[in-house]
Each structure stands twice: as structure tokens, then as C-alpha cells.
C-alpha atoms as a PDB file:
ATOM      1  CA  MET A   1      -3.600  -5.977 -18.514  1.00  0.00           C
ATOM      2  CA  HIS A   2      -4.312  -8.859 -16.210  1.00  0.00           C
ATOM      3  CA  THR A   3      -2.631 -11.754 -14.503  1.00  0.00           C
ATOM      4  CA  LYS A   4      -4.610 -14.773 -13.442  1.00  0.00           C
ATOM      5  CA  SER A   5      -5.551 -12.944 -10.248  1.00  0.00           C
ATOM      6  CA  LEU A   6      -5.985  -9.169 -10.844  1.00  0.00           C
ATOM      7  CA  GLU A   7      -6.470  -6.609 -13.610  1.00  0.00           C
ATOM      8  CA  TYR A   8      -3.802  -3.881 -13.685  1.00  0.00           C
ATOM      9  CA  LEU A   9      -2.275  -0.897 -15.474  1.00  0.00           C
ATOM     10  CA  ILE A  10       1.457  -0.731 -16.173  1.00  0.00           C
ATOM     11  CA  ARG A  11       4.040   2.001 -16.632  1.00  0.00           C
ATOM     12  CA  ARG A  12       7.304   0.522 -17.775  1.00  0.00           C
ATOM     13  CA  PRO A  13      10.629   2.134 -16.780  1.00  0.00           C
ATOM     14  CA  LYS A  14      11.377   5.265 -18.806  1.00  0.00           C
ATOM     15  CA  ILE A  15      15.068   4.407 -18.909  1.00  0.00           C
ATOM     16  CA  GLU A  16      16.892   1.252 -19.987  1.00  0.00           C
ATOM     17  CA  ILE A  17      17.484  -0.653 -16.783  1.00  0.00           C
ATOM     18  CA  SER A  18      18.195  -4.266 -16.001  1.00  0.00           C
ATOM     19  CA  LYS A  19      15.973  -5.620 -13.222  1.00  0.00           C
ATOM     20  CA  PRO A  20      14.120  -2.391 -12.318  1.00  0.00           C
ATOM     21  CA  PRO A  21      12.607  -1.747  -8.898  1.00  0.00           C
ATOM     22  CA  LEU A  22       8.867  -2.519  -8.809  1.00  0.00           C
ATOM     23  CA  LEU A  23       6.188  -0.270  -7.306  1.00  0.00           C
ATOM     24  CA  ILE A  24       2.696  -1.763  -6.908  1.00  0.00           C
ATOM     25  CA  MET A  25      -0.319   0.485  -6.237  1.00  0.00           C
ATOM     26  CA  PHE A  26      -3.409  -0.603  -4.290  1.00  0.00           C
ATOM     27  CA  HIS A  27      -6.324   1.846  -4.461  1.00  0.00           C
ATOM     28  CA  GLY A  28      -8.958   2.598  -1.844  1.00  0.00           C
ATOM     29  CA  TYR A  29     -12.533   1.405  -1.344  1.00  0.00           C
ATOM     30  CA  GLY A  30     -14.882   2.332  -4.185  1.00  0.00           C
ATOM     31  CA  SER A  31     -12.103   3.470  -6.511  1.00  0.00           C
ATOM     32  CA  ASN A  32     -10.188   1.700  -9.293  1.00  0.00           C
ATOM     33  CA  GLU A  33      -6.718   1.198 -10.796  1.00  0.00           C
ATOM     34  CA  GLN A  34      -6.818   4.560 -12.619  1.00  0.00           C
ATOM     35  CA  ASP A  35      -6.824   6.530  -9.361  1.00  0.00           C
ATOM     36  CA  LEU A  36      -3.273   6.175  -7.977  1.00  0.00           C
ATOM     37  CA  PHE A  37      -1.936   5.571 -11.490  1.00  0.00           C
ATOM     38  CA  SER A  38      -2.287   9.336 -12.028  1.00  0.00           C
ATOM     39  CA  PHE A  39       0.872   9.625  -9.870  1.00  0.00           C
ATOM     40  CA  ALA A  40       2.885   7.322 -12.122  1.00  0.00           C
ATOM     41  CA  GLU A  41       4.281   9.915 -14.540  1.00  0.00           C
ATOM     42  CA  GLU A  42       5.768  11.890 -11.640  1.00  0.00           C
ATOM     43  CA  LEU A  43       7.542   8.952 -10.017  1.00  0.00           C
ATOM     44  CA  PRO A  44      11.186   7.930 -10.680  1.00  0.00           C
ATOM     45  CA  ASP A  45      11.998   6.901 -14.265  1.00  0.00           C
ATOM     46  CA  GLU A  46      13.640   3.622 -13.273  1.00  0.00           C
ATOM     47  CA  LEU A  47      10.491   2.187 -11.650  1.00  0.00           C
ATOM     48  CA  LEU A  48       8.269  -0.460 -13.178  1.00  0.00           C
ATOM     49  CA  ILE A  49       4.855   0.679 -11.892  1.00  0.00           C
ATOM     50  CA  ILE A  50       1.828  -1.591 -11.608  1.00  0.00           C
ATOM     51  CA  SER A  51      -1.579  -0.313 -10.473  1.00  0.00           C
ATOM     52  CA  ALA A  52      -3.910  -3.140  -9.454  1.00  0.00           C
ATOM     53  CA  ARG A  53      -7.698  -3.264  -9.541  1.00  0.00           C
ATOM     54  CA  ALA A  54      -9.398  -4.689  -6.448  1.00  0.00           C
ATOM     55  CA  PRO A  55     -11.393  -7.885  -7.049  1.00  0.00           C
ATOM     56  CA  LEU A  56     -14.849  -6.926  -5.723  1.00  0.00           C
ATOM     57  CA  SER A  57     -16.958  -4.940  -8.192  1.00  0.00           C
ATOM     58  CA  MET A  58     -19.343  -2.349  -6.747  1.00  0.00           C
ATOM     59  CA  GLY A  59     -20.580  -1.283 -10.211  1.00  0.00           C
ATOM     60  CA  PHE A  60     -19.942   1.920 -12.188  1.00  0.00           C
ATOM     61  CA  GLY A  61     -16.155   1.464 -12.240  1.00  0.00           C
ATOM     62  CA  SER A  62     -15.909   1.138  -8.440  1.00  0.00           C
ATOM     63  CA  TYR A  63     -14.057  -1.713  -6.764  1.00  0.00           C
ATOM     64  CA  ALA A  64     -13.201  -2.824  -3.237  1.00  0.00           C
ATOM     65  CA  TRP A  65     -10.706  -5.178  -1.635  1.00  0.00           C
ATOM     66  CA  TYR A  66     -13.232  -6.119   1.069  1.00  0.00           C
ATOM     67  CA  THR A  67     -16.496  -4.931   2.600  1.00  0.00           C
ATOM     68  CA  ILE A  68     -16.405  -1.992   5.017  1.00  0.00           C
ATOM     69  CA  HIS A  69     -18.918  -1.551   7.849  1.00  0.00           C
ATOM     70  CA  PHE A  70     -19.288   2.218   7.881  1.00  0.00           C
ATOM     71  CA  ASP A  71     -21.551   2.199  10.933  1.00  0.00           C
ATOM     72  CA  ALA A  72     -18.742   0.736  13.050  1.00  0.00           C
ATOM     73  CA  THR A  73     -17.329   3.162  15.606  1.00  0.00           C
ATOM     74  CA  THR A  74     -14.065   1.347  16.290  1.00  0.00           C
ATOM     75  CA  SER A  75     -11.318   0.291  13.905  1.00  0.00           C
ATOM     76  CA  ASP A  76     -11.545  -3.386  14.899  1.00  0.00           C
ATOM     77  CA  LYS A  77     -15.146  -3.673  13.621  1.00  0.00           C
ATOM     78  CA  PHE A  78     -14.674  -1.538  10.497  1.00  0.00           C
ATOM     79  CA  SER A  79     -13.403  -4.292   8.184  1.00  0.00           C
ATOM     80  CA  ASP A  80     -14.806  -7.606   6.980  1.00  0.00           C
ATOM     81  CA  LEU A  81     -11.860  -9.691   8.185  1.00  0.00           C
ATOM     82  CA  PRO A  82     -12.433 -12.910   6.192  1.00  0.00           C
ATOM     83  CA  GLU A  83     -12.680 -10.866   2.978  1.00  0.00           C
ATOM     84  CA  ALA A  84      -9.608  -8.825   3.935  1.00  0.00           C
ATOM     85  CA  ARG A  85      -7.605 -12.013   4.585  1.00  0.00           C
ATOM     86  CA  SER A  86      -8.746 -13.360   1.227  1.00  0.00           C
ATOM     87  CA  ALA A  87      -7.566 -10.098  -0.393  1.00  0.00           C
ATOM     88  CA  LEU A  88      -4.134 -10.550   1.238  1.00  0.00           C
ATOM     89  CA  SER A  89      -3.907 -14.049  -0.268  1.00  0.00           C
ATOM     90  CA  THR A  90      -4.854 -12.634  -3.674  1.00  0.00           C
ATOM     91  CA  ILE A  91      -2.194  -9.925  -3.331  1.00  0.00           C
ATOM     92  CA  ASP A  92       0.406 -12.561  -2.465  1.00  0.00           C
ATOM     93  CA  LEU A  93      -0.510 -14.544  -5.584  1.00  0.00           C
ATOM     94  CA  PHE A  94      -0.512 -11.335  -7.679  1.00  0.00           C
ATOM     95  CA  ILE A  95       2.996 -10.363  -6.523  1.00  0.00           C
ATOM     96  CA  GLU A  96       4.305 -13.847  -7.330  1.00  0.00           C
ATOM     97  CA  GLU A  97       2.717 -13.624 -10.798  1.00  0.00           C
ATOM     98  CA  LEU A  98       4.357 -10.234 -11.416  1.00  0.00           C
ATOM     99  CA  LYS A  99       7.754 -11.592 -10.365  1.00  0.00           C
ATOM    100  CA  ALA A 100       7.327 -14.436 -12.842  1.00  0.00           C
ATOM    101  CA  GLU A 101       6.162 -12.100 -15.638  1.00  0.00           C
ATOM    102  CA  TYR A 102       8.716  -9.266 -15.287  1.00  0.00           C
ATOM    103  CA  GLU A 103      12.417  -9.338 -14.505  1.00  0.00           C
ATOM    104  CA  ILE A 104      12.596  -7.060 -11.478  1.00  0.00           C
ATOM    105  CA  ASN A 105      14.897  -6.308  -8.571  1.00  0.00           C
ATOM    106  CA  GLU A 106      13.190  -8.396  -5.901  1.00  0.00           C
ATOM    107  CA  GLU A 107      15.109  -6.525  -3.185  1.00  0.00           C
ATOM    108  CA  LYS A 108      13.376  -3.298  -4.223  1.00  0.00           C
ATOM    109  CA  ILE A 109       9.632  -3.890  -4.249  1.00  0.00           C
ATOM    110  CA  PHE A 110       7.527  -0.951  -3.063  1.00  0.00           C
ATOM    111  CA  LEU A 111       3.842  -1.121  -2.111  1.00  0.00           C
ATOM    112  CA  LEU A 112       1.907   2.156  -2.384  1.00  0.00           C
ATOM    113  CA  GLY A 113      -1.552   2.038  -0.868  1.00  0.00           C
ATOM    114  CA  PHE A 114      -4.370   4.461  -0.221  1.00  0.00           C
ATOM    115  CA  SER A 115      -6.970   3.893   2.527  1.00  0.00           C
ATOM    116  CA  GLN A 116      -8.113   0.260   2.206  1.00  0.00           C
ATOM    117  CA  GLY A 117      -5.106  -0.352  -0.040  1.00  0.00           C
ATOM    118  CA  THR A 118      -2.862   0.989   2.738  1.00  0.00           C
ATOM    119  CA  ILE A 119      -4.363  -1.280   5.392  1.00  0.00           C
ATOM    120  CA  LEU A 120      -3.603  -4.276   3.184  1.00  0.00           C
ATOM    121  CA  SER A 121      -0.153  -3.014   2.121  1.00  0.00           C
ATOM    122  CA  MET A 122       0.994  -2.610   5.735  1.00  0.00           C
ATOM    123  CA  ALA A 123      -0.456  -5.975   6.782  1.00  0.00           C
ATOM    124  CA  TYR A 124       1.114  -7.694   3.772  1.00  0.00           C
ATOM    125  CA  ALA A 125       4.582  -6.246   4.446  1.00  0.00           C
ATOM    126  CA  LEU A 126       4.420  -7.211   8.124  1.00  0.00           C
ATOM    127  CA  ASN A 127       3.326 -10.738   7.179  1.00  0.00           C
ATOM    128  CA  HIS A 128       5.896 -11.071   4.362  1.00  0.00           C
ATOM    129  CA  PRO A 129       8.957  -8.978   5.293  1.00  0.00           C
ATOM    130  CA  ASP A 130      11.035 -11.393   3.216  1.00  0.00           C
ATOM    131  CA  LYS A 131       9.171 -10.263   0.066  1.00  0.00           C
ATOM    132  CA  ILE A 132       8.462  -6.562   0.672  1.00  0.00           C
ATOM    133  CA  LYS A 133      10.860  -3.983   2.067  1.00  0.00           C
ATOM    134  CA  LYS A 134       9.192  -0.608   1.432  1.00  0.00           C
ATOM    135  CA  VAL A 135       5.650   0.667   1.983  1.00  0.00           C
ATOM    136  CA  ILE A 136       4.026   4.024   1.204  1.00  0.00           C
ATOM    137  CA  ALA A 137       0.950   4.077   3.451  1.00  0.00           C
ATOM    138  CA  LEU A 138      -1.492   6.903   2.632  1.00  0.00           C
ATOM    139  CA  SER A 139      -4.637   7.590   4.686  1.00  0.00           C
ATOM    140  CA  GLY A 140      -4.865   4.181   6.349  1.00  0.00           C
ATOM    141  CA  TYR A 141      -4.076   2.452   9.632  1.00  0.00           C
ATOM    142  CA  ILE A 142      -2.622  -0.777  11.025  1.00  0.00           C
ATOM    143  CA  ASN A 143      -5.240  -3.480  11.481  1.00  0.00           C
ATOM    144  CA  GLU A 144      -3.585  -5.893  13.911  1.00  0.00           C
ATOM    145  CA  ASP A 145      -6.244  -8.533  13.217  1.00  0.00           C
ATOM    146  CA  LEU A 146      -4.688  -8.990   9.765  1.00  0.00           C
ATOM    147  CA  ILE A 147      -1.132  -9.449  11.050  1.00  0.00           C
ATOM    148  CA  GLU A 148       0.249 -12.844  11.924  1.00  0.00           C
ATOM    149  CA  LYS A 149       1.477 -13.283  15.492  1.00  0.00           C
ATOM    150  CA  PRO A 150       3.807 -13.617  17.253  1.00  0.00           C
ATOM    151  CA  PHE A 151       5.891 -10.704  15.996  1.00  0.00           C
ATOM    152  CA  GLU A 152       9.447 -11.708  15.198  1.00  0.00           C
ATOM    153  CA  LYS A 153      11.291  -8.387  15.299  1.00  0.00           C
ATOM    154  CA  GLU A 154      14.373  -9.885  13.691  1.00  0.00           C
ATOM    155  CA  ARG A 155      12.398 -10.422  10.491  1.00  0.00           C
ATOM    156  CA  PHE A 156      11.447  -6.729  10.282  1.00  0.00           C
ATOM    157  CA  LYS A 157      14.967  -5.265  10.139  1.00  0.00           C
ATOM    158  CA  ALA A 158      14.830  -4.353   6.425  1.00  0.00           C
ATOM    159  CA  LEU A 159      11.325  -2.830   6.461  1.00  0.00           C
ATOM    160  CA  ASP A 160      10.898   0.892   5.780  1.00  0.00           C
ATOM    161  CA  PHE A 161       7.555   2.758   5.880  1.00  0.00           C
ATOM    162  CA  PHE A 162       6.360   6.189   4.703  1.00  0.00           C
ATOM    163  CA  VAL A 163       3.076   6.934   6.506  1.00  0.00           C
ATOM    164  CA  SER A 164       0.809   9.954   6.000  1.00  0.00           C
ATOM    165  CA  HIS A 165      -2.690  11.075   6.943  1.00  0.00           C
ATOM    166  CA  GLY A 166      -4.993  14.075   6.742  1.00  0.00           C
ATOM    167  CA  THR A 167      -5.737  15.765  10.053  1.00  0.00           C
ATOM    168  CA  VAL A 168      -9.395  16.288   9.075  1.00  0.00           C
ATOM    169  CA  ASP A 169      -9.944  12.883   7.448  1.00  0.00           C
ATOM    170  CA  GLN A 170     -13.686  12.209   7.640  1.00  0.00           C
ATOM    171  CA  VAL A 171     -13.430   8.535   6.556  1.00  0.00           C
ATOM    172  CA  ILE A 172     -10.559   7.144   8.660  1.00  0.00           C
ATOM    173  CA  PRO A 173      -9.997   9.273  11.783  1.00  0.00           C
ATOM    174  CA  VAL A 174      -6.463  10.587  12.192  1.00  0.00           C
ATOM    175  CA  GLU A 175      -6.477   9.079  15.713  1.00  0.00           C
ATOM    176  CA  TRP A 176      -6.411   5.608  14.127  1.00  0.00           C
ATOM    177  CA  ALA A 177      -3.432   6.594  11.954  1.00  0.00           C
ATOM    178  CA  ARG A 178      -1.544   8.094  14.907  1.00  0.00           C
ATOM    179  CA  LYS A 179      -1.171   4.612  16.385  1.00  0.00           C
ATOM    180  CA  THR A 180       0.950   3.538  13.396  1.00  0.00           C
ATOM    181  CA  GLU A 181       4.196   5.300  14.310  1.00  0.00           C
ATOM    182  CA  PRO A 182       4.386   3.960  17.919  1.00  0.00           C
ATOM    183  CA  PHE A 183       3.414   0.499  16.642  1.00  0.00           C
ATOM    184  CA  LEU A 184       6.266   0.506  14.098  1.00  0.00           C
ATOM    185  CA  ASN A 185       8.725   2.061  16.557  1.00  0.00           C
ATOM    186  CA  LYS A 186       8.001  -0.680  19.089  1.00  0.00           C
ATOM    187  CA  LEU A 187       8.969  -3.253  16.460  1.00  0.00           C
ATOM    188  CA  LYS A 188      12.048  -1.163  15.565  1.00  0.00           C
ATOM    189  CA  ILE A 189      10.757  -0.686  12.005  1.00  0.00           C
ATOM    190  CA  LYS A 190      12.188   2.324  10.204  1.00  0.00           C
ATOM    191  CA  ASN A 191       9.409   4.818   9.436  1.00  0.00           C
ATOM    192  CA  GLU A 192       8.606   8.412   8.535  1.00  0.00           C
ATOM    193  CA  TYR A 193       5.211   9.780   9.667  1.00  0.00           C
ATOM    194  CA  HIS A 194       3.517  12.919   8.300  1.00  0.00           C
ATOM    195  CA  GLU A 195       0.207  14.714   8.778  1.00  0.00           C
ATOM    196  CA  TYR A 196      -1.302  17.279   6.407  1.00  0.00           C
ATOM    197  CA  PRO A 197      -4.264  19.654   6.880  1.00  0.00           C
ATOM    198  CA  VAL A 198      -6.570  17.794   4.472  1.00  0.00           C
ATOM    199  CA  GLY A 199      -9.405  15.248   4.483  1.00  0.00           C
ATOM    200  CA  HIS A 200      -9.341  11.768   2.966  1.00  0.00           C
ATOM    201  CA  GLY A 201      -6.971  12.533   0.127  1.00  0.00           C
ATOM    202  CA  VAL A 202      -3.387  13.320  -0.861  1.00  0.00           C
ATOM    203  CA  ALA A 203      -2.270  16.941  -0.487  1.00  0.00           C
ATOM    204  CA  PRO A 204       0.346  18.302  -2.961  1.00  0.00           C
ATOM    205  CA  GLN A 205       2.952  18.509  -0.171  1.00  0.00           C
ATOM    206  CA  ASN A 206       2.176  14.908   0.752  1.00  0.00           C
ATOM    207  CA  PHE A 207       2.898  13.861  -2.828  1.00  0.00           C
ATOM    208  CA  PHE A 208       6.197  15.801  -2.934  1.00  0.00           C
ATOM    209  CA  ASP A 209       7.255  14.149   0.344  1.00  0.00           C
ATOM    210  CA  LEU A 210       6.448  10.624  -0.837  1.00  0.00           C
ATOM    211  CA  GLN A 211       8.088  11.338  -4.212  1.00  0.00           C
ATOM    212  CA  ARG A 212      11.313  12.340  -2.414  1.00  0.00           C
ATOM    213  CA  TRP A 213      11.096   9.293  -0.145  1.00  0.00           C
ATOM    214  CA  ILE A 214      10.787   6.940  -3.129  1.00  0.00           C
ATOM    215  CA  LYS A 215      13.588   8.655  -5.079  1.00  0.00           C
ATOM    216  CA  GLU A 216      15.995   8.258  -2.159  1.00  0.00           C
ATOM    217  CA  ARG A 217      15.235   4.527  -2.040  1.00  0.00           C
ATOM    218  CA  CYS A 218      15.528   3.872  -5.778  1.00  0.00           C
ATOM    219  CA  LYS A 219      19.253   4.693  -5.734  1.00  0.00           C
END
């Protein structure tokens, strides 16, 4: 399916529910909307699940939210910032379109990102804490260049993050991810941080932990 802004897959709630919570998935660089959607069947029945396709086509079913400079050695040079900011604007439009299309509980919108999708999910929630309360951030990091300043801690009171990373991630070093927890703690944002002995991917235990985290917050 598609809105005016992005193509997406949908899993409707498996139970009759008025105004279901919404979970939106944002895949990583070079992937597509099928990737994270493989989790959908194992997530809580009451969720309306949307898996979005990034706007930039790389050919052969691969898509990206923005260009990555793989030869960069520091996180601040890794991302094409104008493209990433454009992607955040597209995501904002996409979320507004979904709210208009589906009757959802706007107090329970989850973003679930992987890698590039995580970087954007965390930046979006920090820029729009009035719209997003919960973020599942897999194998990514906080890119402060994408976050509007100054930080108004009062606005962040309802935010809640699940953050995880592989200790042997060969794409995004775990050292970049380890800055996330202190960053969120400084802003007094509720968060749960996990590491798993894997590369750039989601270990089974990681999935069970995020599944539990989501279930607890769907109640």
C-alpha cells in the first residue's frame, strides 16, 4: 500500500479493538519494507503495524533513507545530513497521513527502527515528543546533528526508549551506540539498553526482549 509519501506493508490488529496502538517500522540502509515486517506476526495482537519503504531506490529491491559515507571514520561524517533531514520531513508527513487514514490511539505510537531507520526514529522522537512516545532502537546511534536544539527536558517526560546493539557490529561500532544511554539519561528520558554478542543484526534474545518491552507498553 502507499500514502502520498511512502510505500508500506500493513498488519491490521488480530483482535477487535477500537483505536489500536500503532507501530511503524523503518528499515536499514539497502533493505526494504519486507525486512522488519518479518517480526510482525510475533508482535502483540492489538497492534496496527506499518512497515515503511525508504524513498531512495538503490536498485534490486534495496532502498535507503539517505546516503551513507562508508569511508567516514567518525559518526558525525557518516550521514548525508541534508538527505537525512529531508527523510525526517517525509516521515513526519507519513505519520500524519497514517493518522488521517486509520483510527489509532495517538497516545500509543511506537517507532521501531533498524540501523539507519533507528537513527531517524530516535531523532524524530526527540524532535516530536508530542507525537511519539515510544521507540525501539536497534543497531543505531543518536546523531545529534539531526536533533533540534535547545533541548527542552520538560517536553521529553513521556518518552520511553528500548535500545540494543551487537557487540561485534561491523557496520555501526558499538562504541557509537554506547553513547545513547548516557545521552538519554542526561535528558531524564526513560530507557532500557541492551547489548548482544552479534554483528549488525537482531539476535533471538534481542527479539524476545523487545517483544516483552512492547507487550508491557500495549496494556
